[in-house]
């Protein structure tokens, strides 16, 4: 039986709801970069991230990966919920992009909690609004920004407090929907201008102000 403490911290459940959750909750641990869900899979429950991060992605017509969005602690996957409520197969791929703990709430239990628990209803609505916001942001980036602006924005948005992003160039390419060679060329330019420093499987932001300027205005 899974520990419900982390899940309850994200949900304002009634005593009856807490008991239902305790009886049905399961937990899974995924090491990076373990596949979690594949396209066409039948989803058995709601995935709530309690630690780490899940990446939802698809493939471009050229065969390269393109990230749709990330699922972070306290968030659940709207696509999985849509599959549960509408009996659909999952339309994308999911992998753990960090060592990740996931609470799996079985479909029938989630639907039961959704009908009676305001906390679950609130989380579902928040997940939907967050997804729409992130997808709109991605669409805006794709249509209004070139690749170097999108790469700069991704580095600024996902680096940790120390300014470090632990991703390989292949993983960055997967997010942007391009190739590793393109990312390598862009990164060489960033390094040459003193914007970032690169290491094995990591990028360190050296000049966030100039990267932000690049995002806003592009290259001179």
Protein backbone atom coordinates (compact mmCIF):
# COMPACT_ATOMS: atom_id res chain seq x y z
CA UNK A 1 0.00 0.00 0.00
CA UNK A 2 1.32 3.44 -0.88
CA UNK A 3 1.96 6.22 1.63
CA UNK A 4 -0.83 8.75 1.12
CA UNK A 5 0.86 11.63 2.97
CA UNK A 6 2.40 13.25 -0.11
CA UNK A 7 -0.82 12.94 -2.11
CA UNK A 8 -2.99 14.30 0.71
CA UNK A 9 -0.70 17.33 0.91
CA UNK A 10 -1.90 18.31 -2.58
CA UNK A 11 -5.58 17.49 -2.02
CA UNK A 12 -8.06 18.83 0.54
CA UNK A 13 -9.96 15.60 1.13
CA UNK A 14 -12.73 14.77 3.57
CA UNK A 15 -12.11 11.95 6.10
CA UNK A 16 -14.13 9.61 3.88
CA UNK A 17 -12.11 10.67 0.84
CA UNK A 18 -8.84 10.07 2.68
CA UNK A 19 -9.96 6.55 3.57
CA UNK A 20 -10.94 5.81 -0.04
CA UNK A 21 -7.58 7.10 -1.22
CA UNK A 22 -5.68 5.05 1.37
CA UNK A 23 -7.42 1.85 0.27
CA UNK A 24 -6.77 2.28 -3.44
CA UNK A 25 -3.61 4.33 -3.98
CA UNK A 26 -0.52 2.75 -5.53
CA UNK A 27 2.94 4.25 -5.92
CA UNK A 28 5.55 3.87 -8.64
CA UNK A 29 9.16 4.99 -8.84
CA UNK A 30 10.85 5.70 -12.16
CA UNK A 31 14.55 6.29 -12.71
CA UNK A 32 15.51 8.78 -15.39
CA UNK A 33 14.86 8.29 -18.34
CA UNK A 34 12.41 5.39 -17.89
CA UNK A 35 9.39 5.18 -20.25
CA UNK A 36 6.15 5.59 -18.30
CA UNK A 37 3.38 5.55 -20.92
CA UNK A 38 3.56 4.87 -24.64
CA UNK A 39 1.24 6.13 -27.35
CA UNK A 40 -1.79 3.89 -27.79
CA UNK A 41 -1.59 2.50 -24.26
CA UNK A 42 -4.72 2.13 -22.16
CA UNK A 43 -4.37 4.26 -19.04
CA UNK A 44 -5.29 2.57 -15.76
CA UNK A 45 -5.43 5.62 -13.52
CA UNK A 46 -4.52 9.22 -12.78
CA UNK A 47 -0.80 9.96 -12.48
CA UNK A 48 0.07 12.45 -9.73
CA UNK A 49 3.75 13.39 -9.52
CA UNK A 50 5.01 13.67 -5.93
CA UNK A 51 8.75 13.97 -6.72
CA UNK A 52 10.74 14.57 -9.87
CA UNK A 53 9.25 15.30 -13.28
CA UNK A 54 7.49 13.56 -16.17
CA UNK A 55 7.88 14.68 -19.77
CA UNK A 56 4.99 14.29 -22.22
CA UNK A 57 6.18 14.29 -25.82
CA UNK A 58 5.31 13.37 -29.37
CA UNK A 59 7.24 12.94 -32.63
CA UNK A 60 7.49 15.41 -35.51
CA UNK A 61 6.98 14.30 -39.13
CA UNK A 62 10.79 14.28 -39.39
CA UNK A 63 10.98 11.68 -36.62
CA UNK A 64 12.44 13.92 -33.92
CA UNK A 65 10.97 14.17 -30.43
CA UNK A 66 9.07 17.30 -29.42
CA UNK A 67 8.08 17.97 -25.81
CA UNK A 68 4.45 18.93 -25.24
CA UNK A 69 4.75 19.75 -21.54
CA UNK A 70 6.22 18.65 -18.20
CA UNK A 71 4.32 17.31 -15.20
CA UNK A 72 5.87 18.53 -11.95
CA UNK A 73 5.24 17.70 -8.24
CA UNK A 74 1.63 18.31 -7.29
CA UNK A 75 0.46 18.06 -10.90
CA UNK A 76 -1.40 15.38 -12.79
CA UNK A 77 -1.67 14.61 -16.50
CA UNK A 78 -4.76 15.98 -18.24
CA UNK A 79 -4.29 13.66 -21.21
CA UNK A 80 -4.43 10.67 -18.84
CA UNK A 81 -7.54 12.08 -17.17
CA UNK A 82 -9.18 12.56 -20.56
CA UNK A 83 -8.45 8.93 -21.37
CA UNK A 84 -10.00 7.83 -18.06
CA UNK A 85 -13.20 9.83 -18.42
CA UNK A 86 -13.70 9.14 -22.13
CA UNK A 87 -12.28 5.60 -22.48
CA UNK A 88 -9.56 6.66 -24.93
CA UNK A 89 -6.05 5.41 -25.60
CA UNK A 90 -3.18 7.67 -24.57
CA UNK A 91 -2.24 9.97 -27.51
CA UNK A 92 1.44 10.65 -26.73
CA UNK A 93 4.51 9.29 -24.93
CA UNK A 94 5.58 9.91 -21.33
CA UNK A 95 8.98 9.40 -19.74
CA UNK A 96 10.60 10.30 -16.43
CA UNK A 97 12.96 13.20 -17.14
CA UNK A 98 14.31 12.97 -13.58
CA UNK A 99 14.17 10.31 -10.86
CA UNK A 100 10.44 10.47 -10.22
CA UNK A 101 7.82 9.20 -7.76
CA UNK A 102 4.27 8.90 -9.07
CA UNK A 103 1.08 8.22 -7.15
CA UNK A 104 -1.29 6.18 -9.28
CA UNK A 105 -4.96 6.65 -8.42
CA UNK A 106 -6.97 3.88 -10.17
CA UNK A 107 -9.54 5.14 -12.68
CA UNK A 108 -12.71 4.07 -10.82
CA UNK A 109 -11.36 5.55 -7.58
CA UNK A 110 -10.43 8.85 -9.24
CA UNK A 111 -13.86 9.15 -10.81
CA UNK A 112 -15.48 8.43 -7.44
CA UNK A 113 -13.32 11.04 -5.70
CA UNK A 114 -14.00 13.54 -8.48
CA UNK A 115 -17.76 13.19 -7.95
CA UNK A 116 -17.62 13.90 -4.21
CA UNK A 117 -14.38 15.73 -3.37
CA UNK A 118 -13.90 19.43 -4.10
CA UNK A 119 -10.13 19.03 -3.75
CA UNK A 120 -10.01 16.54 -6.61
CA UNK A 121 -12.29 18.73 -8.72
CA UNK A 122 -10.02 21.71 -8.08
CA UNK A 123 -6.90 19.73 -9.01
CA UNK A 124 -8.55 18.55 -12.24
CA UNK A 125 -9.55 22.07 -13.27
CA UNK A 126 -6.10 23.39 -12.35
CA UNK A 127 -4.46 20.65 -14.41
CA UNK A 128 -6.60 21.57 -17.41
CA UNK A 129 -5.89 25.30 -17.12
CA UNK A 130 -2.17 24.66 -16.62
CA UNK A 131 -2.06 22.46 -19.71
CA UNK A 132 -3.84 25.05 -21.85
CA UNK A 133 -1.48 27.78 -20.60
CA UNK A 134 1.65 25.73 -21.31
CA UNK A 135 0.50 24.56 -24.73
CA UNK A 136 -0.43 28.11 -25.72
CA UNK A 137 3.02 29.21 -24.61
CA UNK A 138 4.64 26.51 -26.72
CA UNK A 139 2.54 27.45 -29.76
CA UNK A 140 3.47 31.11 -29.34
CA UNK A 141 7.14 30.15 -29.12
CA UNK A 142 6.94 28.00 -32.24
CA UNK A 143 5.16 30.63 -34.35
CA UNK A 144 6.87 33.81 -33.14
CA UNK A 145 10.39 32.79 -32.12
CA UNK A 146 13.33 31.26 -33.91
CA UNK A 147 15.21 28.29 -32.49
CA UNK A 148 17.91 30.26 -30.68
CA UNK A 149 15.20 32.28 -28.88
CA UNK A 150 13.33 29.10 -27.95
CA UNK A 151 16.53 27.48 -26.68
CA UNK A 152 17.41 30.56 -24.62
CA UNK A 153 13.91 30.66 -23.16
CA UNK A 154 14.03 26.96 -22.29
CA UNK A 155 17.37 27.38 -20.50
CA UNK A 156 16.08 30.33 -18.47
CA UNK A 157 12.77 28.61 -17.63
CA UNK A 158 14.19 25.26 -16.55
CA UNK A 159 17.59 25.94 -14.98
CA UNK A 160 17.79 25.43 -11.22
CA UNK A 161 18.55 28.13 -8.64
CA UNK A 162 22.26 27.81 -9.39
CA UNK A 163 21.62 28.41 -13.08
CA UNK A 164 22.30 24.82 -14.10
CA UNK A 165 20.17 22.67 -16.37
CA UNK A 166 20.97 18.96 -16.23
CA UNK A 167 20.12 17.93 -19.80
CA UNK A 168 22.11 16.60 -22.70
CA UNK A 169 22.02 18.29 -26.08
CA UNK A 170 19.99 15.35 -27.37
CA UNK A 171 17.40 15.93 -24.64
CA UNK A 172 17.28 19.64 -25.46
CA UNK A 173 16.74 18.76 -29.11
CA UNK A 174 13.89 16.48 -28.05
CA UNK A 175 12.18 19.33 -26.30
CA UNK A 176 12.57 21.76 -29.19
CA UNK A 177 11.60 19.27 -31.88
CA UNK A 178 14.90 19.54 -33.73
CA UNK A 179 18.16 17.60 -34.02
CA UNK A 180 21.14 17.38 -31.68
CA UNK A 181 23.36 18.87 -34.39
CA UNK A 182 21.23 22.02 -34.54
CA UNK A 183 21.27 22.39 -30.75
CA UNK A 184 25.05 21.83 -30.70
CA UNK A 185 25.54 24.62 -33.25
CA UNK A 186 23.32 27.03 -31.31
CA UNK A 187 25.02 26.12 -28.05
CA UNK A 188 28.45 26.79 -29.55
CA UNK A 189 27.27 30.30 -30.35
CA UNK A 190 25.95 30.80 -26.82
CA UNK A 191 29.28 29.64 -25.37
CA UNK A 192 31.29 31.87 -27.72
CA UNK A 193 29.30 34.92 -26.57
CA UNK A 194 29.69 34.04 -22.89
CA UNK A 195 26.00 33.31 -22.35
CA UNK A 196 26.43 29.73 -21.09
CA UNK A 197 29.06 27.18 -20.20
CA UNK A 198 28.59 23.53 -21.10
CA UNK A 199 29.70 20.33 -19.42
CA UNK A 200 28.88 16.67 -19.62
CA UNK A 201 25.09 16.42 -19.54
CA UNK A 202 24.65 19.96 -18.19
CA UNK A 203 24.44 23.62 -19.20
CA UNK A 204 25.24 26.49 -16.84
CA UNK A 205 23.70 29.90 -17.49
CA UNK A 206 26.43 32.54 -17.20
CA UNK A 207 24.58 35.67 -18.37
CA UNK A 208 20.84 35.43 -17.77
CA UNK A 209 20.24 39.09 -18.65
CA UNK A 210 21.64 38.73 -22.16
CA UNK A 211 19.81 35.44 -22.65
CA UNK A 212 16.57 37.17 -21.65
CA UNK A 213 17.37 39.98 -24.09
CA UNK A 214 17.83 37.37 -26.81
CA UNK A 215 14.42 35.89 -25.98
CA UNK A 216 12.77 39.31 -26.23
CA UNK A 217 14.46 40.66 -29.33
CA UNK A 218 16.35 37.89 -31.10
CA UNK A 219 19.79 38.36 -32.58
CA UNK A 220 20.90 41.82 -33.63
